[in-house]
Amino acid sequence: MRRTSSCGSGVVALGYVLLRRLLGPSLAVPPLAGALAASSWGLFVLWACASQDLWMLLFSLAFLVAFDAGRLLWSALFLAGALLSKETAIVLVPLAIWLRRWREGGAWPGRAALATIGLVVAGWGVLHPSLGGRLLFGSHASIVPVPTRPFAWSDLTWFAAPFNLEFDPGLAAGLPGRAVLGAAWAIGLGALAAWGLRAAPAPAGAARRRLAVLGLGWWAIAWTPMLAPFLRWHSYYGWIGLPGLWLAITAGLAGRGPWLVLAIAVTAYLRPFAAHRLVDDWGTEEYQREAATNLVRLRDALRAHLPTLPPHARVFLGALPNGIGFHTGVRQSMPLRVWYRDSTVQGCLFSEYAPRPSGDRGPDFFFVATPDLRLLPVADGTGPAPDSLRAEPLWAAAEEHVAHAYTLAGEYAKARDGFARLAATFPSDPRQAFHLGEAWDDLGDHRLGAEWRNRADSLVGSPPRLGAAYLDRESRGGR
């Protein structure tokens, strides 16, 4: 957290340095204050996974400052750092050229500057595992796009994100605490903007239009990734464009300082409401706060069942809330390794079950999570389940799911044990009797298989027909 805060402070400082180089010391403050009023800024210092974005911002602003100053070696190093932090830093190339052309009255950067940028981008493309690395060193990494979807009018709410209106901020929620916090943000950033404007001469005429063009171009270039049909947009992706947007607003309100301060103050006031609004978007603060809270609850629930884990243990969990952060890769969970201080343990989803490779020994544990994040043990015993589990519909579905997973994996004895427990727990359920009969058949005991499939027929009120009566009823929707 200390490193994240330091990195965030560096981003703010470099943002001011860049704006000051472009606009002078006074006009540099309002655009930065407006950008910091957006709730998307808080995600960088709140969410650990956004640290790569924060590093990208730090390197990006350092690159823009160095490139503007003509420090080509430093600009090359900072651009490489930005690109290595996140691929969307590629927008820095047109952005740097745009800023330089604005300063030079439309002239293109020199050949040395363009060559420096080109060499860094080319080197990055060659070494990137999903691009040139696939040919250079046989990388199998690839960029997996999200499914494309047609444009919807609701997508226009993206453009309200800089003003904390991408989602309904819920002004009636969280009073009076959020209102007090909002007032503090409004006073703080509004006063900062007013302080910056105290001695700034209001640009007029051509200078005003020129600043507006600079800001709008900056914003448009930084937001070009949102046009990619394979990228699901989240507002924090475009934070680097917000100083440009607020620069254009500053130019538009030139000579009307109080109105500019009011616009920044209102945006800042909405910030706590937007930041604490729980919406289905993992790129928002409250979503990550809720995920962090759920992850702590999951840790405590898991430790209650498993105070220690043997080496090479695998923990399979089902029905986890979305975005909780437990699952960090195929049969991998970094939180689980941290909790138990063991790099050999694996955290998995039910769908990832596979038999252990030959020679790989260790226990497997299965749990299904209830909506309130209680963990119900699955596949952990024989005989009828206790009443505490019998009363949980989620447990029966999870037990059956794991038994089917054993079947698909060819571990028929384990599948039989799972279905036998279900049949013992729910003796009047023909479904469990039929599945147990199939499990016995898979093991080659066709006598017991026929016996249990006949029992399924009897439980649906039909003469024994090796399960055919049960299947007939199921094909009619259980009638």
Protein backbone atom coordinates (compact mmCIF):
# COMPACT_ATOMS: atom_id res chain seq x y z
CA MET A 1 0.00 0.00 0.00
CA ARG A 2 2.89 2.38 0.76
CA ARG A 3 4.41 1.74 -2.67
CA THR A 4 1.03 2.27 -4.30
CA SER A 5 0.56 5.59 -2.50
CA SER A 6 4.06 6.70 -3.52
CA CYS A 7 3.39 5.73 -7.12
CA GLY A 8 0.07 7.60 -7.03
CA SER A 9 1.80 10.69 -5.67
CA GLY A 10 4.33 10.42 -8.47
CA VAL A 11 1.54 10.33 -11.05
CA VAL A 12 -0.01 13.49 -9.59
CA ALA A 13 3.35 15.26 -9.51
CA LEU A 14 4.25 14.28 -13.08
CA GLY A 15 0.79 15.25 -14.28
CA TYR A 16 1.32 18.71 -12.85
CA VAL A 17 4.80 18.94 -14.38
CA LEU A 18 3.43 18.05 -17.82
CA LEU A 19 0.53 20.47 -17.61
CA ARG A 20 2.80 23.20 -16.30
CA ARG A 21 5.16 22.75 -19.25
CA LEU A 22 2.23 23.03 -21.64
CA LEU A 23 0.10 25.70 -19.95
CA GLY A 24 2.12 27.49 -17.33
CA PRO A 25 1.90 27.22 -13.52
CA SER A 26 -1.60 28.65 -13.03
CA LEU A 27 -3.68 27.00 -15.75
CA ALA A 28 -2.04 23.64 -14.96
CA VAL A 29 -3.97 23.23 -11.70
CA PRO A 30 -7.68 23.11 -12.73
CA PRO A 31 -7.30 20.25 -15.29
CA LEU A 32 -5.42 18.17 -12.74
CA ALA A 33 -7.97 18.91 -10.01
CA GLY A 34 -10.80 17.90 -12.35
CA ALA A 35 -9.06 14.63 -13.24
CA LEU A 36 -8.52 13.78 -9.56
CA ALA A 37 -12.23 14.40 -8.87
CA ALA A 38 -13.17 11.31 -10.93
CA SER A 39 -13.93 8.22 -8.87
CA SER A 40 -11.90 6.15 -11.34
CA TRP A 41 -8.72 7.61 -9.83
CA GLY A 42 -9.35 5.88 -6.51
CA LEU A 43 -9.27 2.42 -8.09
CA PHE A 44 -5.55 2.74 -8.82
CA VAL A 45 -4.64 3.04 -5.16
CA LEU A 46 -7.40 0.75 -3.84
CA TRP A 47 -7.15 -2.35 -6.04
CA ALA A 48 -3.92 -4.34 -6.17
CA CYS A 49 -4.59 -5.56 -9.71
CA ALA A 50 -4.74 -1.94 -10.91
CA SER A 51 -1.15 -1.40 -9.82
CA GLN A 52 0.00 -2.21 -13.35
CA ASP A 53 -2.23 0.62 -14.58
CA LEU A 54 -0.76 2.94 -11.98
CA TRP A 55 2.77 2.05 -13.09
CA MET A 56 1.68 2.62 -16.67
CA LEU A 57 0.41 6.09 -15.74
CA LEU A 58 3.67 6.89 -13.96
CA PHE A 59 5.83 5.80 -16.90
CA SER A 60 3.43 7.39 -19.38
CA LEU A 61 3.54 10.83 -17.83
CA ALA A 62 7.31 10.57 -17.36
CA PHE A 63 7.61 9.70 -21.05
CA LEU A 64 5.44 12.64 -22.14
CA VAL A 65 7.47 15.04 -19.99
CA ALA A 66 10.80 13.67 -21.26
CA PHE A 67 9.65 13.63 -24.88
CA ASP A 68 8.38 17.20 -24.63
CA ALA A 69 11.75 18.22 -23.19
CA GLY A 70 13.64 16.48 -26.00
CA ARG A 71 15.28 13.93 -23.70
CA LEU A 72 15.18 11.06 -26.18
CA LEU A 73 17.06 8.45 -24.14
CA TRP A 74 14.91 8.99 -21.07
CA SER A 75 11.75 9.10 -23.16
CA ALA A 76 12.69 5.75 -24.73
CA LEU A 77 13.20 4.14 -21.33
CA PHE A 78 9.95 5.54 -19.93
CA LEU A 79 7.97 4.49 -23.02
CA ALA A 80 9.35 0.98 -22.70
CA GLY A 81 8.30 0.92 -19.04
CA ALA A 82 4.79 2.06 -19.92
CA LEU A 83 4.38 -0.54 -22.68
CA LEU A 84 5.71 -3.30 -20.43
CA SER A 85 3.20 -2.26 -17.76
CA LYS A 86 0.14 -2.46 -20.02
CA GLU A 87 -0.52 -2.78 -23.73
CA THR A 88 -2.94 0.17 -23.87
CA ALA A 89 0.08 2.46 -23.38
CA ILE A 90 0.44 2.28 -27.16
CA VAL A 91 -1.82 5.37 -27.28
CA LEU A 92 1.19 7.32 -25.98
CA VAL A 93 2.71 7.34 -29.45
CA PRO A 94 0.01 9.45 -31.14
CA LEU A 95 -0.51 11.43 -27.93
CA ALA A 96 3.16 12.44 -27.70
CA ILE A 97 3.16 13.46 -31.37
CA TRP A 98 -0.06 15.45 -30.85
CA LEU A 99 1.36 17.37 -27.90
CA ARG A 100 4.62 18.09 -29.72
CA ARG A 101 2.86 19.30 -32.86
CA TRP A 102 0.66 21.57 -30.76
CA ARG A 103 3.69 23.15 -29.13
CA GLU A 104 5.53 23.49 -32.42
CA GLY A 105 2.63 25.06 -34.27
CA GLY A 106 1.83 22.01 -36.35
CA ALA A 107 5.38 20.87 -37.11
CA TRP A 108 6.13 17.17 -36.83
CA PRO A 109 8.70 15.96 -34.30
CA GLY A 110 12.18 15.49 -35.68
CA ARG A 111 13.35 12.29 -37.29
CA ALA A 112 15.41 11.34 -34.26
CA ALA A 113 12.37 11.62 -32.00
CA LEU A 114 10.15 9.60 -34.33
CA ALA A 115 12.87 7.00 -34.80
CA THR A 116 13.25 6.66 -31.03
CA ILE A 117 9.54 6.01 -30.59
CA GLY A 118 9.48 3.62 -33.54
CA LEU A 119 12.39 1.55 -32.28
CA VAL A 120 10.88 1.17 -28.81
CA VAL A 121 7.49 0.14 -30.18
CA ALA A 122 9.09 -2.27 -32.64
CA GLY A 123 11.21 -3.85 -29.91
CA TRP A 124 8.20 -4.17 -27.66
CA GLY A 125 6.19 -5.80 -30.44
CA VAL A 126 8.94 -8.30 -31.18
CA LEU A 127 9.36 -9.33 -27.55
CA HIS A 128 5.71 -9.28 -26.51
CA PRO A 129 4.65 -12.91 -25.79
CA SER A 130 1.32 -12.46 -27.61
CA LEU A 131 2.86 -10.75 -30.67
CA GLY A 132 6.39 -11.35 -31.93
CA GLY A 133 7.20 -13.68 -29.07
CA ARG A 134 4.98 -16.34 -30.63
CA LEU A 135 7.49 -16.59 -33.48
CA LEU A 136 10.68 -15.52 -31.71
CA PHE A 137 10.67 -17.90 -28.77
CA GLY A 138 7.60 -20.06 -29.29
CA SER A 139 5.32 -18.34 -26.81
CA HIS A 140 1.78 -19.69 -26.60
CA ALA A 141 0.39 -16.58 -24.93
CA SER A 142 -2.43 -14.83 -26.71
CA ILE A 143 -4.68 -11.84 -26.17
CA VAL A 144 -8.15 -13.23 -25.52
CA PRO A 145 -10.77 -10.68 -26.58
CA VAL A 146 -14.14 -10.39 -24.90
CA PRO A 147 -17.12 -11.30 -27.08
CA THR A 148 -18.06 -8.45 -29.37
CA ARG A 149 -21.51 -6.91 -29.07
CA PRO A 150 -23.37 -4.24 -31.00
CA PHE A 151 -23.29 -0.65 -29.85
CA ALA A 152 -26.02 0.27 -27.37
CA TRP A 153 -27.19 3.72 -26.36
CA SER A 154 -26.29 2.83 -22.78
CA ASP A 155 -22.66 2.86 -23.90
CA LEU A 156 -22.87 6.65 -24.06
CA THR A 157 -22.73 6.67 -20.26
CA TRP A 158 -18.98 6.19 -20.68
CA PHE A 159 -18.79 9.87 -21.53
CA ALA A 160 -20.37 10.74 -18.18
CA ALA A 161 -17.66 8.86 -16.25
CA PRO A 162 -15.34 11.92 -15.95
CA PHE A 163 -18.12 13.65 -14.00
CA ASN A 164 -18.94 10.61 -11.80
CA LEU A 165 -22.24 10.06 -13.61
CA GLU A 166 -21.45 6.87 -15.52
CA PHE A 167 -23.81 5.12 -13.10
CA ASP A 168 -26.57 6.56 -10.96
CA PRO A 169 -24.56 7.89 -7.99
CA GLY A 170 -27.45 7.28 -5.58
CA LEU A 171 -27.51 10.65 -3.86
CA ALA A 172 -30.03 9.43 -1.29
CA ALA A 173 -27.77 6.58 -0.14
CA GLY A 174 -25.21 6.72 2.62
CA LEU A 175 -26.35 10.04 4.07
CA PRO A 176 -25.05 11.97 5.89
CA GLY A 177 -21.59 10.36 5.77
CA ARG A 178 -21.16 10.50 2.00
CA ALA A 179 -22.47 14.04 1.89
CA VAL A 180 -19.87 15.15 4.43
CA LEU A 181 -17.13 13.34 2.55
CA GLY A 182 -18.38 14.81 -0.72
CA ALA A 183 -18.32 18.30 0.77
CA ALA A 184 -14.72 17.75 1.86
CA TRP A 185 -13.75 16.67 -1.66
CA ALA A 186 -15.61 19.60 -3.20
CA ILE A 187 -14.00 22.14 -0.89
CA GLY A 188 -10.53 20.64 -1.26
CA LEU A 189 -10.40 20.33 -5.04
CA GLY A 190 -12.50 23.45 -5.61
CA ALA A 191 -10.13 25.48 -3.45
CA LEU A 192 -7.15 23.94 -5.28
CA ALA A 193 -8.58 24.99 -8.65
CA ALA A 194 -9.40 28.47 -7.34
CA TRP A 195 -5.86 28.82 -5.98
CA GLY A 196 -4.45 27.84 -9.37
CA LEU A 197 -6.59 30.45 -11.14
CA ARG A 198 -5.84 33.27 -8.72
CA ALA A 199 -3.19 34.87 -10.93
CA ALA A 200 -3.93 33.24 -14.27
CA PRO A 201 -4.77 35.60 -17.11
CA ALA A 202 -7.88 34.33 -18.88
CA PRO A 203 -6.97 33.13 -22.38
CA ALA A 204 -9.13 34.63 -25.08
CA GLY A 205 -9.70 34.41 -28.78
CA ALA A 206 -7.23 32.26 -30.68
CA ALA A 207 -5.38 31.17 -27.52
CA ARG A 208 -8.60 29.91 -26.01
CA ARG A 209 -9.52 27.93 -29.13
CA ARG A 210 -6.01 26.55 -29.34
CA LEU A 211 -6.17 25.26 -25.77
CA ALA A 212 -9.57 23.69 -26.44
CA VAL A 213 -8.20 21.87 -29.49
CA LEU A 214 -5.21 20.64 -27.47
CA GLY A 215 -7.43 19.29 -24.70
CA LEU A 216 -10.02 17.65 -26.94
CA GLY A 217 -7.32 16.00 -29.05
CA TRP A 218 -5.58 14.74 -25.92
CA TRP A 219 -8.84 13.27 -24.59
CA ALA A 220 -9.83 11.71 -27.92
CA ILE A 221 -6.47 10.01 -28.44
CA ALA A 222 -6.37 8.64 -24.89
CA TRP A 223 -9.87 7.20 -25.28
CA THR A 224 -9.33 5.49 -28.63
CA PRO A 225 -9.13 2.01 -27.00
CA MET A 226 -12.83 2.26 -26.19
CA LEU A 227 -13.51 1.99 -29.95
CA ALA A 228 -12.02 -1.52 -30.08
CA PRO A 229 -14.93 -3.99 -30.36
CA PHE A 230 -12.96 -6.66 -28.48
CA LEU A 231 -12.29 -4.55 -25.38
CA ARG A 232 -14.78 -4.20 -22.55
CA TRP A 233 -14.38 -0.61 -21.44
CA HIS A 234 -13.95 0.43 -17.81
CA SER A 235 -13.70 4.08 -16.90
CA TYR A 236 -10.33 3.83 -15.16
CA TYR A 237 -8.77 2.80 -18.49
CA GLY A 238 -9.19 6.36 -19.74
CA TRP A 239 -8.00 8.35 -16.73
CA ILE A 240 -4.94 9.60 -18.62
CA GLY A 241 -7.30 11.40 -20.97
CA LEU A 242 -9.12 13.30 -18.21
CA PRO A 243 -6.54 16.11 -17.84
CA GLY A 244 -7.07 16.77 -21.55
CA LEU A 245 -10.85 16.85 -21.17
CA TRP A 246 -10.66 19.23 -18.22
CA LEU A 247 -8.17 21.34 -20.14
CA ALA A 248 -10.80 21.76 -22.87
CA ILE A 249 -13.40 22.62 -20.21
CA THR A 250 -10.98 25.13 -18.67
CA ALA A 251 -10.56 26.75 -22.08
CA GLY A 252 -14.32 26.76 -22.64
CA LEU A 253 -14.90 28.52 -19.32
CA ALA A 254 -12.04 30.99 -19.79
CA GLY A 255 -12.88 34.22 -18.04
CA ARG A 256 -15.52 32.45 -15.94
CA GLY A 257 -13.33 31.17 -13.13
CA PRO A 258 -16.16 30.72 -10.59
CA TRP A 259 -18.06 28.50 -13.02
CA LEU A 260 -15.00 26.36 -13.61
CA VAL A 261 -14.42 26.02 -9.88
CA LEU A 262 -18.10 25.13 -9.42
CA ALA A 263 -17.90 22.42 -12.12
CA ILE A 264 -14.88 20.84 -10.43
CA ALA A 265 -16.48 21.14 -6.99
CA VAL A 266 -19.75 19.48 -8.11
CA THR A 267 -17.82 16.63 -9.75
CA ALA A 268 -15.76 16.22 -6.59
CA TYR A 269 -18.90 16.25 -4.43
CA LEU A 270 -20.31 13.32 -6.44
CA ARG A 271 -17.11 11.36 -6.06
CA PRO A 272 -17.86 9.55 -2.75
CA PHE A 273 -21.36 8.68 -3.96
CA ALA A 274 -20.03 7.19 -7.21
CA ALA A 275 -17.12 5.46 -5.48
CA HIS A 276 -19.40 3.73 -2.95
CA ARG A 277 -22.14 2.79 -5.42
CA LEU A 278 -22.19 -1.00 -5.87
CA VAL A 279 -22.69 -1.82 -9.56
CA ASP A 280 -21.90 -4.86 -11.68
CA ASP A 281 -18.58 -3.52 -12.92
CA TRP A 282 -15.32 -4.82 -11.50
CA GLY A 283 -13.65 -1.57 -12.55
CA THR A 284 -15.34 0.38 -9.75
CA GLU A 285 -14.27 1.03 -6.17
CA GLU A 286 -17.23 -0.44 -4.30
CA TYR A 287 -17.14 -3.63 -6.36
CA GLN A 288 -13.52 -4.15 -5.31
CA ARG A 289 -14.28 -3.27 -1.69
CA GLU A 290 -17.07 -5.84 -1.68
CA ALA A 291 -14.77 -8.39 -3.32
CA ALA A 292 -12.07 -7.77 -0.71
CA THR A 293 -14.60 -8.17 2.11
CA ASN A 294 -15.88 -11.42 0.60
CA LEU A 295 -12.34 -12.72 0.18
CA VAL A 296 -11.64 -12.15 3.88
CA ARG A 297 -14.87 -13.93 4.79
CA LEU A 298 -13.93 -16.81 2.52
CA ARG A 299 -10.50 -17.03 4.14
CA ASP A 300 -12.02 -17.20 7.61
CA ALA A 301 -14.59 -19.81 6.56
CA LEU A 302 -11.93 -21.96 4.91
CA ARG A 303 -9.62 -21.76 7.90
CA ALA A 304 -12.48 -22.84 10.14
CA HIS A 305 -12.73 -26.08 8.13
CA LEU A 306 -9.02 -26.45 7.33
CA PRO A 307 -6.77 -24.81 9.94
CA THR A 308 -3.79 -26.30 8.08
CA LEU A 309 -3.28 -27.73 4.63
CA PRO A 310 -0.93 -30.61 3.81
CA PRO A 311 1.62 -29.97 1.07
CA HIS A 312 0.29 -30.41 -2.48
CA ALA A 313 -3.32 -30.22 -1.29
CA ARG A 314 -5.95 -29.06 -3.76
CA VAL A 315 -9.00 -27.08 -2.63
CA PHE A 316 -11.94 -27.04 -5.03
CA LEU A 317 -14.62 -24.40 -4.48
CA GLY A 318 -17.99 -23.99 -6.15
CA ALA A 319 -20.55 -21.16 -6.39
CA LEU A 320 -18.06 -18.40 -5.52
CA PRO A 321 -19.24 -14.80 -6.00
CA ASN A 322 -17.99 -13.12 -9.17
CA GLY A 323 -14.82 -11.09 -8.89
CA ILE A 324 -13.90 -12.32 -5.42
CA GLY A 325 -10.23 -12.72 -6.39
CA PHE A 326 -9.71 -16.23 -5.04
CA HIS A 327 -9.12 -17.84 -8.43
CA THR A 328 -6.08 -16.36 -10.19
CA GLY A 329 -5.41 -18.98 -12.87
CA VAL A 330 -6.16 -22.52 -13.95
CA ARG A 331 -5.98 -24.53 -10.71
CA GLN A 332 -4.18 -21.62 -9.11
CA SER A 333 -5.01 -19.31 -6.23
CA MET A 334 -2.40 -16.88 -4.97
CA PRO A 335 -4.55 -15.95 -1.92
CA LEU A 336 -4.67 -19.62 -0.87
CA ARG A 337 -0.88 -19.87 -1.05
CA VAL A 338 -0.51 -16.72 1.03
CA TRP A 339 -3.06 -17.82 3.63
CA TYR A 340 -1.35 -21.16 4.20
CA ARG A 341 2.20 -20.00 3.39
CA ASP A 342 2.69 -22.91 1.01
CA SER A 343 3.44 -22.56 -2.69
CA THR A 344 2.50 -26.20 -3.37
CA VAL A 345 -1.21 -25.91 -2.57
CA GLN A 346 -3.72 -25.24 -5.34
CA GLY A 347 -7.02 -23.38 -5.30
CA CYS A 348 -9.42 -24.53 -8.00
CA LEU A 349 -12.95 -24.30 -9.30
CA PHE A 350 -15.17 -27.37 -9.55
CA SER A 351 -14.99 -27.17 -13.34
CA GLU A 352 -11.20 -27.57 -13.22
CA TYR A 353 -11.19 -30.99 -11.60
CA ALA A 354 -8.78 -33.45 -13.18
CA PRO A 355 -7.06 -36.54 -11.82
CA ARG A 356 -3.65 -35.94 -10.35
CA PRO A 357 -0.69 -36.78 -12.57
CA SER A 358 1.13 -40.00 -11.82
CA GLY A 359 3.32 -39.60 -8.76
CA ASP A 360 1.56 -36.43 -7.59
CA ARG A 361 0.19 -37.11 -4.13
CA GLY A 362 -1.93 -34.97 -1.89
CA PRO A 363 -5.49 -34.68 -0.60
CA ASP A 364 -8.36 -32.97 -2.42
CA PHE A 365 -10.98 -30.93 -0.56
CA PHE A 366 -14.30 -29.78 -1.99
CA PHE A 367 -16.56 -27.02 -0.68
CA VAL A 368 -19.53 -25.17 -2.08
CA ALA A 369 -20.12 -21.59 -0.96
CA THR A 370 -23.55 -20.39 0.11
CA PRO A 371 -24.66 -16.82 -0.75
CA ASP A 372 -23.56 -15.69 2.72
CA LEU A 373 -20.17 -17.41 2.16
CA ARG A 374 -20.61 -20.33 4.48
CA LEU A 375 -18.68 -23.32 3.14
CA LEU A 376 -20.43 -26.68 2.88
CA PRO A 377 -18.09 -29.69 2.66
CA VAL A 378 -18.63 -31.85 -0.41
CA ALA A 379 -17.38 -35.37 -1.21
CA ASP A 380 -15.98 -35.75 2.28
CA GLY A 381 -17.72 -38.84 3.63
CA THR A 382 -19.85 -41.93 3.11
CA GLY A 383 -23.30 -42.85 4.33
CA PRO A 384 -26.19 -40.42 4.74
CA ALA A 385 -25.22 -36.76 5.07
CA PRO A 386 -26.09 -35.00 8.34
CA ASP A 387 -29.31 -33.03 8.54
CA SER A 388 -27.34 -29.77 8.41
CA LEU A 389 -26.25 -30.63 4.85
CA ARG A 390 -29.45 -32.40 3.83
CA ALA A 391 -31.33 -29.15 4.42
CA GLU A 392 -29.05 -27.27 2.01
CA PRO A 393 -30.25 -27.60 -1.62
CA LEU A 394 -26.92 -26.20 -2.79
CA TRP A 395 -25.07 -29.06 -1.13
CA ALA A 396 -26.97 -31.78 -3.03
CA ALA A 397 -26.34 -30.06 -6.37
CA ALA A 398 -22.64 -29.66 -5.56
CA GLU A 399 -22.28 -33.28 -4.40
CA GLU A 400 -23.84 -34.45 -7.64
CA HIS A 401 -21.65 -32.10 -9.68
CA VAL A 402 -18.48 -33.50 -8.13
CA ALA A 403 -19.65 -37.08 -8.64
CA HIS A 404 -20.23 -36.35 -12.32
CA ALA A 405 -16.77 -34.73 -12.49
CA TYR A 406 -15.29 -37.97 -11.15
CA THR A 407 -17.18 -39.88 -13.85
CA LEU A 408 -15.88 -37.64 -16.62
CA ALA A 409 -12.36 -38.06 -15.22
CA GLY A 410 -12.71 -41.87 -15.28
CA GLU A 411 -12.52 -42.16 -11.50
CA TYR A 412 -15.55 -44.40 -11.27
CA ALA A 413 -15.04 -45.62 -7.69
CA LYS A 414 -15.09 -42.04 -6.41
CA ALA A 415 -18.15 -41.31 -8.52
CA ARG A 416 -19.91 -44.37 -7.08
CA ASP A 417 -19.16 -43.23 -3.53
CA GLY A 418 -20.59 -39.80 -4.26
CA PHE A 419 -23.81 -41.12 -5.79
CA ALA A 420 -24.11 -43.73 -3.01
CA ARG A 421 -24.02 -40.96 -0.43
CA LEU A 422 -26.70 -39.03 -2.31
CA ALA A 423 -28.87 -42.14 -2.63
CA ALA A 424 -28.50 -42.82 1.10
CA THR A 425 -29.29 -39.21 1.96
CA PHE A 426 -32.30 -39.00 -0.36
CA PRO A 427 -33.62 -42.61 -0.53
CA SER A 428 -36.88 -41.56 -2.21
CA ASP A 429 -35.19 -39.63 -5.02
CA PRO A 430 -35.19 -41.71 -8.22
CA ARG A 431 -32.56 -39.48 -9.78
CA GLN A 432 -29.91 -40.49 -7.27
CA ALA A 433 -30.81 -44.17 -7.56
CA PHE A 434 -30.48 -44.03 -11.34
CA HIS A 435 -27.10 -42.26 -11.20
CA LEU A 436 -25.83 -44.81 -8.68
CA GLY A 437 -26.90 -47.60 -11.03
CA GLU A 438 -24.93 -45.95 -13.83
CA ALA A 439 -21.92 -45.66 -11.54
CA TRP A 440 -22.03 -49.39 -10.78
CA ASP A 441 -22.27 -50.11 -14.50
CA ASP A 442 -19.19 -47.96 -15.09
CA LEU A 443 -17.35 -50.13 -12.56
CA GLY A 444 -18.43 -53.27 -14.39
CA ASP A 445 -20.93 -54.52 -11.77
CA HIS A 446 -23.99 -54.74 -13.99
CA ARG A 447 -26.02 -56.67 -11.42
CA LEU A 448 -25.90 -53.81 -8.92
CA GLY A 449 -26.30 -51.36 -11.78
CA ALA A 450 -29.53 -53.01 -12.86
CA GLU A 451 -30.74 -53.21 -9.27
CA TRP A 452 -30.36 -49.47 -8.69
CA ARG A 453 -31.78 -48.49 -12.07
CA ASN A 454 -34.79 -50.73 -11.38
CA ARG A 455 -35.16 -48.98 -8.03
CA ALA A 456 -35.33 -45.64 -9.89
CA ASP A 457 -38.22 -47.05 -11.94
CA SER A 458 -40.00 -48.19 -8.81
CA LEU A 459 -39.58 -44.79 -7.18
CA VAL A 460 -41.41 -43.13 -10.09
CA GLY A 461 -44.27 -45.65 -9.69
CA SER A 462 -43.49 -47.88 -12.67
CA PRO A 463 -42.53 -51.54 -13.07
CA PRO A 464 -38.77 -52.13 -13.11
CA ARG A 465 -37.39 -51.62 -16.63
CA LEU A 466 -33.67 -50.99 -15.97
CA GLY A 467 -34.24 -47.27 -15.60
CA ALA A 468 -36.24 -46.82 -18.80
CA ALA A 469 -39.37 -45.77 -16.89
CA TYR A 470 -37.40 -43.15 -15.00
CA LEU A 471 -35.90 -41.80 -18.23
CA ASP A 472 -39.34 -41.70 -19.85
CA ARG A 473 -40.62 -39.58 -17.01
CA GLU A 474 -37.61 -37.27 -17.18
CA SER A 475 -38.10 -36.80 -20.93
CA ARG A 476 -41.64 -35.59 -20.18
CA GLY A 477 -40.31 -33.01 -17.75
CA GLY A 478 -40.64 -35.12 -14.59
CA ARG A 479 -44.40 -35.68 -14.98
